[in-house]
PDB file of N, CA and C in Angstrom:
ATOM      1  N   MET A   1       0.825  -1.198   0.000  1.00  0.00           N
ATOM      2  CA  MET A   1       0.000   0.000   0.000  1.00  0.00           C
ATOM      3  C   MET A   1       0.865   1.258   0.000  1.00  0.00           C
ATOM      4  N   LYS A   2       1.897   1.230   0.863  1.00  0.00           N
ATOM      5  CA  LYS A   2       2.785   2.377   0.946  1.00  0.00           C
ATOM      6  C   LYS A   2       3.524   2.580  -0.377  1.00  0.00           C
ATOM      7  N   LYS A   3       3.894   1.492  -1.014  1.00  0.00           N
ATOM      8  CA  LYS A   3       4.604   1.565  -2.299  1.00  0.00           C
ATOM      9  C   LYS A   3       3.720   2.193  -3.370  1.00  0.00           C
ATOM     10  N   LYS A   4       2.432   1.883  -3.360  1.00  0.00           N
ATOM     11  CA  LYS A   4       1.511   2.445  -4.343  1.00  0.00           C
ATOM     12  C   LYS A   4       1.362   3.955  -4.161  1.00  0.00           C
ATOM     13  N   ILE A   5       1.282   4.392  -2.917  1.00  0.00           N
ATOM     14  CA  ILE A   5       1.143   5.827  -2.636  1.00  0.00           C
ATOM     15  C   ILE A   5       2.397   6.580  -3.068  1.00  0.00           C
ATOM     16  N   VAL A   6       3.565   6.021  -2.777  1.00  0.00           N
ATOM     17  CA  VAL A   6       4.828   6.659  -3.168  1.00  0.00           C
ATOM     18  C   VAL A   6       4.939   6.721  -4.681  1.00  0.00           C
ATOM     19  N   ASP A   7       4.577   5.644  -5.365  1.00  0.00           N
ATOM     20  CA  ASP A   7       4.620   5.640  -6.835  1.00  0.00           C
ATOM     21  C   ASP A   7       3.651   6.660  -7.423  1.00  0.00           C
ATOM     22  N   PHE A   8       2.451   6.746  -6.847  1.00  0.00           N
ATOM     23  CA  PHE A   8       1.460   7.704  -7.349  1.00  0.00           C
ATOM     24  C   PHE A   8       1.950   9.138  -7.182  1.00  0.00           C
ATOM     25  N   LEU A   9       2.470   9.456  -6.003  1.00  0.00           N
ATOM     26  CA  LEU A   9       2.952  10.811  -5.759  1.00  0.00           C
ATOM     27  C   LEU A   9       4.154  11.155  -6.634  1.00  0.00           C
ATOM     28  N   SER A  10       5.039  10.191  -6.871  1.00  0.00           N
ATOM     29  CA  SER A  10       6.191  10.465  -7.741  1.00  0.00           C
ATOM     30  C   SER A  10       5.733  10.680  -9.181  1.00  0.00           C
ATOM     31  N   ASN A  11       4.726   9.936  -9.634  1.00  0.00           N
ATOM     32  CA  ASN A  11       4.198  10.142 -10.991  1.00  0.00           C
ATOM     33  C   ASN A  11       3.521  11.511 -11.126  1.00  0.00           C
ATOM     34  N   VAL A  12       2.785  11.917 -10.110  1.00  0.00           N
ATOM     35  CA  VAL A  12       2.136  13.229 -10.137  1.00  0.00           C
ATOM     36  C   VAL A  12       3.198  14.326 -10.179  1.00  0.00           C
ATOM     37  N   TRP A  13       4.250  14.182  -9.385  1.00  0.00           N
ATOM     38  CA  TRP A  13       5.322  15.178  -9.363  1.00  0.00           C
ATOM     39  C   TRP A  13       6.029  15.257 -10.723  1.00  0.00           C
ATOM     40  N   GLU A  14       6.261  14.113 -11.346  1.00  0.00           N
ATOM     41  CA  GLU A  14       6.903  14.100 -12.664  1.00  0.00           C
ATOM     42  C   GLU A  14       6.023  14.782 -13.719  1.00  0.00           C
ATOM     43  N   GLU A  15       4.715  14.554 -13.645  1.00  0.00           N
ATOM     44  CA  GLU A  15       3.797  15.205 -14.593  1.00  0.00           C
ATOM     45  C   GLU A  15       3.805  16.722 -14.407  1.00  0.00           C
ATOM     46  N   ILE A  16       3.790  17.158 -13.167  1.00  0.00           N
ATOM     47  CA  ILE A  16       3.789  18.601 -12.894  1.00  0.00           C
ATOM     48  C   ILE A  16       5.079  19.233 -13.399  1.00  0.00           C
ATOM     49  N   THR A  17       6.215  18.623 -13.092  1.00  0.00           N
ATOM     50  CA  THR A  17       7.489  19.201 -13.540  1.00  0.00           C
ATOM     51  C   THR A  17       7.612  19.160 -15.062  1.00  0.00           C
ATOM     52  N   TYR A  18       7.143  18.102 -15.701  1.00  0.00           N
ATOM     53  CA  TYR A  18       7.212  18.018 -17.161  1.00  0.00           C
ATOM     54  C   TYR A  18       6.352  19.107 -17.814  1.00  0.00           C
ATOM     55  N   ASN A  19       5.127  19.285 -17.320  1.00  0.00           N
ATOM     56  CA  ASN A  19       4.251  20.315 -17.894  1.00  0.00           C
ATOM     57  C   ASN A  19       4.805  21.718 -17.636  1.00  0.00           C
ATOM     58  N   LEU A  20       5.402  21.927 -16.502  1.00  0.00           N
ATOM     59  CA  LEU A  20       5.998  23.224 -16.199  1.00  0.00           C
ATOM     60  C   LEU A  20       7.196  23.503 -17.109  1.00  0.00           C
ATOM     61  N   LYS A  21       8.009  22.478 -17.345  1.00  0.00           N
ATOM     62  CA  LYS A  21       9.150  22.638 -18.255  1.00  0.00           C
ATOM     63  C   LYS A  21       8.681  22.919 -19.684  1.00  0.00           C
ATOM     64  N   CYS A  22       7.621  22.247 -20.098  1.00  0.00           N
ATOM     65  CA  CYS A  22       7.096  22.495 -21.454  1.00  0.00           C
ATOM     66  C   CYS A  22       6.546  23.912 -21.569  1.00  0.00           C
ATOM     67  N   PHE A  23       5.861  24.381 -20.539  1.00  0.00           N
ATOM     68  CA  PHE A  23       5.286  25.725 -20.562  1.00  0.00           C
ATOM     69  C   PHE A  23       6.377  26.782 -20.562  1.00  0.00           C
ATOM     70  N   CYS A  24       7.345  26.613 -19.680  1.00  0.00           N
ATOM     71  CA  CYS A  24       8.400  27.621 -19.559  1.00  0.00           C
ATOM     72  C   CYS A  24       9.444  27.508 -20.663  1.00  0.00           C
ATOM     73  N   GLY A  25       9.563  26.342 -21.283  1.00  0.00           N
ATOM     74  CA  GLY A  25      10.554  26.172 -22.339  1.00  0.00           C
ATOM     75  C   GLY A  25      10.219  26.998 -23.573  1.00  0.00           C
ATOM     76  N   GLY A  26       8.950  27.244 -23.822  1.00  0.00           N
ATOM     77  CA  GLY A  26       8.544  28.007 -24.981  1.00  0.00           C
ATOM     78  C   GLY A  26       8.600  29.509 -24.763  1.00  0.00           C
ATOM     79  N   LEU A  27       8.866  29.954 -23.566  1.00  0.00           N
ATOM     80  CA  LEU A  27       8.910  31.383 -23.268  1.00  0.00           C
ATOM     81  C   LEU A  27      10.318  31.932 -23.460  1.00  0.00           C
ATOM     82  N   THR A  28      10.367  33.163 -23.855  1.00  0.00           N
ATOM     83  CA  THR A  28      11.666  33.836 -23.940  1.00  0.00           C
ATOM     84  C   THR A  28      12.117  34.215 -22.530  1.00  0.00           C
ATOM     85  N   PRO A  29      13.391  34.465 -22.338  1.00  0.00           N
ATOM     86  CA  PRO A  29      13.881  34.821 -21.002  1.00  0.00           C
ATOM     87  C   PRO A  29      13.221  36.084 -20.434  1.00  0.00           C
ATOM     88  N   VAL A  30      12.870  37.044 -21.281  1.00  0.00           N
ATOM     89  CA  VAL A  30      12.210  38.256 -20.800  1.00  0.00           C
ATOM     90  C   VAL A  30      10.814  37.934 -20.282  1.00  0.00           C
ATOM     91  N   LYS A  31      10.088  37.091 -20.976  1.00  0.00           N
ATOM     92  CA  LYS A  31       8.742  36.708 -20.537  1.00  0.00           C
ATOM     93  C   LYS A  31       8.811  35.907 -19.233  1.00  0.00           C
ATOM     94  N   ARG A  32       9.820  35.038 -19.116  1.00  0.00           N
ATOM     95  CA  ARG A  32       9.984  34.291 -17.864  1.00  0.00           C
ATOM     96  C   ARG A  32      10.236  35.241 -16.694  1.00  0.00           C
ATOM     97  N   LEU A  33      11.094  36.242 -16.914  1.00  0.00           N
ATOM     98  CA  LEU A  33      11.382  37.217 -15.877  1.00  0.00           C
ATOM     99  C   LEU A  33      10.125  37.989 -15.484  1.00  0.00           C
ATOM    100  N   ILE A  34       9.329  38.372 -16.468  1.00  0.00           N
ATOM    101  CA  ILE A  34       8.083  39.096 -16.196  1.00  0.00           C
ATOM    102  C   ILE A  34       7.133  38.227 -15.377  1.00  0.00           C
ATOM    103  N   ILE A  35       7.010  36.961 -15.728  1.00  0.00           N
ATOM    104  CA  ILE A  35       6.119  36.054 -15.004  1.00  0.00           C
ATOM    105  C   ILE A  35       6.590  35.889 -13.559  1.00  0.00           C
ATOM    106  N   VAL A  36       7.897  35.727 -13.372  1.00  0.00           N
ATOM    107  CA  VAL A  36       8.440  35.572 -12.022  1.00  0.00           C
ATOM    108  C   VAL A  36       8.190  36.836 -11.211  1.00  0.00           C
ATOM    109  N   LEU A  37       8.389  38.001 -11.798  1.00  0.00           N
ATOM    110  CA  LEU A  37       8.161  39.248 -11.082  1.00  0.00           C
ATOM    111  C   LEU A  37       6.690  39.452 -10.738  1.00  0.00           C
ATOM    112  N   VAL A  38       5.795  39.101 -11.650  1.00  0.00           N
ATOM    113  CA  VAL A  38       4.361  39.248 -11.395  1.00  0.00           C
ATOM    114  C   VAL A  38       3.926  38.311 -10.266  1.00  0.00           C
ATOM    115  N   ILE A  39       4.366  37.068 -10.313  1.00  0.00           N
ATOM    116  CA  ILE A  39       4.002  36.120  -9.260  1.00  0.00           C
ATOM    117  C   ILE A  39       4.597  36.569  -7.916  1.00  0.00           C
ATOM    118  N   GLY A  40       5.847  37.044  -7.944  1.00  0.00           N
ATOM    119  CA  GLY A  40       6.464  37.554  -6.719  1.00  0.00           C
ATOM    120  C   GLY A  40       5.723  38.762  -6.170  1.00  0.00           C
ATOM    121  N   GLY A  41       5.273  39.654  -7.053  1.00  0.00           N
ATOM    122  CA  GLY A  41       4.509  40.825  -6.617  1.00  0.00           C
ATOM    123  C   GLY A  41       3.176  40.441  -6.003  1.00  0.00           C
ATOM    124  N   ILE A  42       2.493  39.501  -6.622  1.00  0.00           N
ATOM    125  CA  ILE A  42       1.194  39.052  -6.093  1.00  0.00           C
ATOM    126  C   ILE A  42       1.375  38.413  -4.715  1.00  0.00           C
ATOM    127  N   LEU A  43       2.390  37.572  -4.584  1.00  0.00           N
ATOM    128  CA  LEU A  43       2.631  36.934  -3.287  1.00  0.00           C
ATOM    129  C   LEU A  43       3.058  37.957  -2.231  1.00  0.00           C
ATOM    130  N   SER A  44       3.829  38.977  -2.638  1.00  0.00           N
ATOM    131  CA  SER A  44       4.238  40.021  -1.684  1.00  0.00           C
ATOM    132  C   SER A  44       3.036  40.822  -1.203  1.00  0.00           C
ATOM    133  N   ILE A  45       2.149  41.178  -2.109  1.00  0.00           N
ATOM    134  CA  ILE A  45       0.940  41.919  -1.729  1.00  0.00           C
ATOM    135  C   ILE A  45       0.065  41.075  -0.801  1.00  0.00           C
ATOM    136  N   ALA A  46      -0.067  39.791  -1.098  1.00  0.00           N
ATOM    137  CA  ALA A  46      -0.865  38.912  -0.239  1.00  0.00           C
ATOM    138  C   ALA A  46      -0.242  38.804   1.148  1.00  0.00           C
ATOM    139  N   TYR A  47       1.084  38.731   1.232  1.00  0.00           N
ATOM    140  CA  TYR A  47       1.761  38.650   2.519  1.00  0.00           C
ATOM    141  C   TYR A  47       1.554  39.928   3.321  1.00  0.00           C
ATOM    142  N   ILE A  48       1.730  41.072   2.694  1.00  0.00           N
ATOM    143  CA  ILE A  48       1.567  42.344   3.398  1.00  0.00           C
ATOM    144  C   ILE A  48       0.128  42.519   3.862  1.00  0.00           C
ATOM    145  N   TYR A  49      -0.844  42.149   3.027  1.00  0.00           N
ATOM    146  CA  TYR A  49      -2.250  42.244   3.416  1.00  0.00           C
ATOM    147  C   TYR A  49      -2.539  41.362   4.628  1.00  0.00           C
ATOM    148  N   THR A  50      -2.030  40.142   4.612  1.00  0.00           N
ATOM    149  CA  THR A  50      -2.247  39.225   5.730  1.00  0.00           C
ATOM    150  C   THR A  50      -1.614  39.769   7.004  1.00  0.00           C
ATOM    151  N   LEU A  51      -0.417  40.296   6.891  1.00  0.00           N
ATOM    152  CA  LEU A  51       0.283  40.845   8.048  1.00  0.00           C
ATOM    153  C   LEU A  51      -0.464  42.027   8.641  1.00  0.00           C
ATOM    154  N   VAL A  52      -0.881  42.977   7.797  1.00  0.00           N
ATOM    155  CA  VAL A  52      -1.572  44.171   8.274  1.00  0.00           C
ATOM    156  C   VAL A  52      -2.938  43.817   8.860  1.00  0.00           C
ATOM    157  N   SER A  53      -3.671  42.933   8.216  1.00  0.00           N
ATOM    158  CA  SER A  53      -4.997  42.578   8.735  1.00  0.00           C
ATOM    159  C   SER A  53      -4.897  41.832  10.061  1.00  0.00           C
ATOM    160  N   SER A  54      -3.871  41.004  10.229  1.00  0.00           N
ATOM    161  CA  SER A  54      -3.731  40.307  11.516  1.00  0.00           C
ATOM    162  C   SER A  54      -3.321  41.280  12.615  1.00  0.00           C
ATOM    163  N   ILE A  55      -2.503  42.278  12.299  1.00  0.00           N
ATOM    164  CA  ILE A  55      -2.139  43.279  13.298  1.00  0.00           C
ATOM    165  C   ILE A  55      -3.361  44.106  13.687  1.00  0.00           C
ATOM    166  N   CYS A  56      -4.197  44.453  12.717  1.00  0.00           N
ATOM    167  CA  CYS A  56      -5.391  45.252  13.012  1.00  0.00           C
ATOM    168  C   CYS A  56      -6.423  44.463  13.816  1.00  0.00           C
ATOM    169  N   ASN A  57      -6.462  43.157  13.661  1.00  0.00           N
ATOM    170  CA  ASN A  57      -7.469  42.335  14.339  1.00  0.00           C
ATOM    171  C   ASN A  57      -7.024  41.854  15.708  1.00  0.00           C
ATOM    172  N   ILE A  58      -5.848  42.252  16.171  1.00  0.00           N
ATOM    173  CA  ILE A  58      -5.367  41.773  17.465  1.00  0.00           C
ATOM    174  C   ILE A  58      -6.321  42.187  18.587  1.00  0.00           C
ATOM    175  N   GLY A  59      -6.720  43.443  18.639  1.00  0.00           N
ATOM    176  CA  GLY A  59      -7.566  43.917  19.724  1.00  0.00           C
ATOM    177  C   GLY A  59      -9.045  43.732  19.504  1.00  0.00           C
ATOM    178  N   LYS A  60      -9.466  43.366  18.318  1.00  0.00           N
ATOM    179  CA  LYS A  60     -10.902  43.250  18.045  1.00  0.00           C
ATOM    180  C   LYS A  60     -11.540  42.069  18.745  1.00  0.00           C
ATOM    181  N   GLN A  61     -10.789  41.038  19.049  1.00  0.00           N
ATOM    182  CA  GLN A  61     -11.357  39.864  19.698  1.00  0.00           C
ATOM    183  C   GLN A  61     -11.761  40.186  21.132  1.00  0.00           C
ATOM    184  N   ASP A  62     -11.003  41.040  21.788  1.00  0.00           N
ATOM    185  CA  ASP A  62     -11.305  41.381  23.174  1.00  0.00           C
ATOM    186  C   ASP A  62     -12.344  42.489  23.286  1.00  0.00           C
ATOM    187  N   ALA A  63     -12.641  43.189  22.196  1.00  0.00           N
ATOM    188  CA  ALA A  63     -13.541  44.344  22.263  1.00  0.00           C
ATOM    189  C   ALA A  63     -14.977  43.931  22.591  1.00  0.00           C
ATOM    190  N   GLY A  64     -15.396  42.763  22.189  1.00  0.00           N
ATOM    191  CA  GLY A  64     -16.763  42.335  22.426  1.00  0.00           C
ATOM    192  C   GLY A  64     -17.015  41.831  23.830  1.00  0.00           C
ATOM    193  N   LYS A  65     -15.979  41.531  24.560  1.00  0.00           N
ATOM    194  CA  LYS A  65     -16.156  40.992  25.901  1.00  0.00           C
ATOM    195  C   LYS A  65     -16.550  42.106  26.865  1.00  0.00           C
ATOM    196  N   GLU A  66     -17.399  41.752  27.792  1.00  0.00           N
ATOM    197  CA  GLU A  66     -17.802  42.722  28.811  1.00  0.00           C
ATOM    198  C   GLU A  66     -16.754  42.743  29.912  1.00  0.00           C
ATOM    199  N   TYR A  67     -16.487  43.920  30.387  1.00  0.00           N
ATOM    200  CA  TYR A  67     -15.522  44.061  31.464  1.00  0.00           C
ATOM    201  C   TYR A  67     -16.268  44.128  32.791  1.00  0.00           C
ATOM    202  N   MET A  68     -15.655  43.583  33.817  1.00  0.00           N
ATOM    203  CA  MET A  68     -16.297  43.613  35.115  1.00  0.00           C
ATOM    204  C   MET A  68     -16.224  45.019  35.691  1.00  0.00           C
ATOM    205  N   GLU A  69     -17.228  45.333  36.490  1.00  0.00           N
ATOM    206  CA  GLU A  69     -17.305  46.669  37.068  1.00  0.00           C
ATOM    207  C   GLU A  69     -16.342  46.761  38.251  1.00  0.00           C
ATOM    208  N   LEU A  70     -15.678  47.890  38.343  1.00  0.00           N
ATOM    209  CA  LEU A  70     -14.749  48.110  39.444  1.00  0.00           C
ATOM    210  C   LEU A  70     -15.473  48.836  40.568  1.00  0.00           C
ATOM    211  N   GLN A  71     -15.214  48.428  41.783  1.00  0.00           N
ATOM    212  CA  GLN A  71     -15.808  49.052  42.952  1.00  0.00           C
ATOM    213  C   GLN A  71     -14.701  49.351  43.949  1.00  0.00           C
ATOM    214  N   HIS A  72     -15.029  50.199  44.890  1.00  0.00           N
ATOM    215  CA  HIS A  72     -14.066  50.517  45.930  1.00  0.00           C
ATOM    216  C   HIS A  72     -13.870  49.316  46.839  1.00  0.00           C
ATOM    217  N   ILE A  73     -12.685  49.210  47.345  1.00  0.00           N
ATOM    218  CA  ILE A  73     -12.379  48.115  48.255  1.00  0.00           C
ATOM    219  C   ILE A  73     -12.900  48.473  49.644  1.00  0.00           C
ATOM    220  N   GLU A  74     -13.675  47.585  50.211  1.00  0.00           N
ATOM    221  CA  GLU A  74     -14.216  47.829  51.550  1.00  0.00           C
ATOM    222  C   GLU A  74     -13.200  47.380  52.590  1.00  0.00           C
ATOM    223  N   ILE A  75     -13.171  48.099  53.690  1.00  0.00           N
ATOM    224  CA  ILE A  75     -12.254  47.760  54.771  1.00  0.00           C
ATOM    225  C   ILE A  75     -12.829  46.568  55.529  1.00  0.00           C
ATOM    226  N   LEU A  76     -12.004  45.581  55.696  1.00  0.00           N
ATOM    227  CA  LEU A  76     -12.438  44.393  56.412  1.00  0.00           C
ATOM    228  C   LEU A  76     -12.303  44.620  57.917  1.00  0.00           C
ATOM    229  N   LYS A  77     -13.320  44.220  58.640  1.00  0.00           N
ATOM    230  CA  LYS A  77     -13.273  44.334  60.093  1.00  0.00           C
ATOM    231  C   LYS A  77     -12.800  42.989  60.641  1.00  0.00           C
ATOM    232  N   LEU A  78     -11.545  42.979  61.038  1.00  0.00           N
ATOM    233  CA  LEU A  78     -10.958  41.754  61.548  1.00  0.00           C
ATOM    234  C   LEU A  78     -10.959  41.769  63.074  1.00  0.00           C
ATOM    235  N   GLN A  79     -11.125  40.617  63.633  1.00  0.00           N
ATOM    236  CA  GLN A  79     -11.088  40.514  65.079  1.00  0.00           C
ATOM    237  C   GLN A  79      -9.623  40.469  65.498  1.00  0.00           C
ATOM    238  N   GLN A  80      -9.252  41.383  66.371  1.00  0.00           N
ATOM    239  CA  GLN A  80      -7.865  41.459  66.805  1.00  0.00           C
ATOM    240  C   GLN A  80      -7.645  40.594  68.025  1.00  0.00           C
ATOM    241  N   LYS A  81      -6.436  40.129  68.138  1.00  0.00           N
ATOM    242  CA  LYS A  81      -6.089  39.345  69.325  1.00  0.00           C
ATOM    243  C   LYS A  81      -6.002  40.276  70.526  1.00  0.00           C
ATOM    244  N   GLN A  82      -6.298  39.762  71.660  1.00  0.00           N
ATOM    245  CA  GLN A  82      -6.266  40.553  72.890  1.00  0.00           C
ATOM    246  C   GLN A  82      -4.899  40.405  73.560  1.00  0.00           C
ATOM    247  N   ASP A  83      -3.894  41.017  72.964  1.00  0.00           N
ATOM    248  CA  ASP A  83      -2.590  41.027  73.621  1.00  0.00           C
ATOM    249  C   ASP A  83      -2.462  42.283  74.468  1.00  0.00           C
ATOM    250  N   SER A  84      -1.342  42.471  75.103  1.00  0.00           N
ATOM    251  CA  SER A  84      -1.184  43.566  76.060  1.00  0.00           C
ATOM    252  C   SER A  84      -1.290  44.939  75.401  1.00  0.00           C
ATOM    253  N   ILE A  85      -0.768  45.104  74.221  1.00  0.00           N
ATOM    254  CA  ILE A  85      -0.825  46.415  73.557  1.00  0.00           C
ATOM    255  C   ILE A  85      -2.247  46.754  73.151  1.00  0.00           C
ATOM    256  N   ASN A  86      -2.950  45.808  72.614  1.00  0.00           N
ATOM    257  CA  ASN A  86      -4.326  46.060  72.196  1.00  0.00           C
ATOM    258  C   ASN A  86      -5.227  46.357  73.386  1.00  0.00           C
ATOM    259  N   ILE A  87      -4.971  45.697  74.513  1.00  0.00           N
ATOM    260  CA  ILE A  87      -5.779  45.956  75.713  1.00  0.00           C
ATOM    261  C   ILE A  87      -5.547  47.379  76.197  1.00  0.00           C
ATOM    262  N   LEU A  88      -4.266  47.807  76.173  1.00  0.00           N
ATOM    263  CA  LEU A  88      -3.962  49.176  76.603  1.00  0.00           C
ATOM    264  C   LEU A  88      -4.595  50.193  75.648  1.00  0.00           C
ATOM    265  N   ASN A  89      -4.499  49.954  74.354  1.00  0.00           N
ATOM    266  CA  ASN A  89      -5.097  50.865  73.373  1.00  0.00           C
ATOM    267  C   ASN A  89      -6.611  50.924  73.536  1.00  0.00           C
ATOM    268  N   GLN A  90      -7.224  49.797  73.780  1.00  0.00           N
ATOM    269  CA  GLN A  90      -8.668  49.767  73.946  1.00  0.00           C
ATOM    270  C   GLN A  90      -9.085  50.503  75.217  1.00  0.00           C
ATOM    271  N   GLN A  91      -8.324  50.359  76.268  1.00  0.00           N
ATOM    272  CA  GLN A  91      -8.637  51.054  77.514  1.00  0.00           C
ATOM    273  C   GLN A  91      -8.484  52.563  77.352  1.00  0.00           C
ATOM    274  N   GLU A  92      -7.424  52.995  76.627  1.00  0.00           N
ATOM    275  CA  GLU A  92      -7.237  54.424  76.385  1.00  0.00           C
ATOM    276  C   GLU A  92      -8.374  54.974  75.531  1.00  0.00           C
ATOM    277  N   TYR A  93      -8.798  54.195  74.532  1.00  0.00           N
ATOM    278  CA  TYR A  93      -9.893  54.633  73.672  1.00  0.00           C
ATOM    279  C   TYR A  93     -11.190  54.775  74.472  1.00  0.00           C
ATOM    280  N   GLU A  94     -11.453  53.806  75.333  1.00  0.00           N
ATOM    281  CA  GLU A  94     -12.648  53.855  76.162  1.00  0.00           C
ATOM    282  C   GLU A  94     -12.586  55.013  77.140  1.00  0.00           C
ATOM    283  N   TYR A  95     -11.398  55.303  77.670  1.00  0.00           N
ATOM    284  CA  TYR A  95     -11.217  56.423  78.597  1.00  0.00           C
ATOM    285  C   TYR A  95     -11.479  57.739  77.898  1.00  0.00           C
ATOM    286  N   GLU A  96     -10.965  57.870  76.629  1.00  0.00           N
ATOM    287  CA  GLU A  96     -11.200  59.102  75.854  1.00  0.00           C
ATOM    288  C   GLU A  96     -12.674  59.267  75.531  1.00  0.00           C
ATOM    289  N   GLN A  97     -13.347  58.180  75.252  1.00  0.00           N
ATOM    290  CA  GLN A  97     -14.763  58.246  74.907  1.00  0.00           C
ATOM    291  C   GLN A  97     -15.595  58.634  76.136  1.00  0.00           C
ATOM    292  N   SER A  98     -15.202  58.185  77.287  1.00  0.00           N
ATOM    293  CA  SER A  98     -15.984  58.491  78.491  1.00  0.00           C
ATOM    294  C   SER A  98     -15.783  59.965  78.923  1.00  0.00           C
ATOM    295  N   ASP A  99     -14.641  60.578  78.570  1.00  0.00           N
ATOM    296  CA  ASP A  99     -14.384  61.973  78.907  1.00  0.00           C
ATOM    297  C   ASP A  99     -15.264  62.925  78.076  1.00  0.00           C
ATOM    298  N   LYS A 100     -15.643  62.543  76.957  1.00  0.00           N
ATOM    299  CA  LYS A 100     -16.398  63.440  76.062  1.00  0.00           C
ATOM    300  C   LYS A 100     -17.802  63.566  76.443  1.00  0.00           C
TER     301      LYS A 100
END
């Protein structure tokens, strides 16, 4: 099976190269140069178009997505440990509150 596929592909390649040689053999060198330049120009334009369009489309994929709303960060009320410094601070705070 593998041998048949290799033979088929080699025959197709030989046909393509033979037809290309027959086509190009009848052309003068100036016509060949013109054909090469035209094909090169077409491929260059296609490359530049693809490059520019892909650069322009980089940000368009993200434009349709909704962004989450930003809000202010709320202060978390954490329970503090009752160590000696916190007890003193709490007592001073309570003393100041009672004076008012």
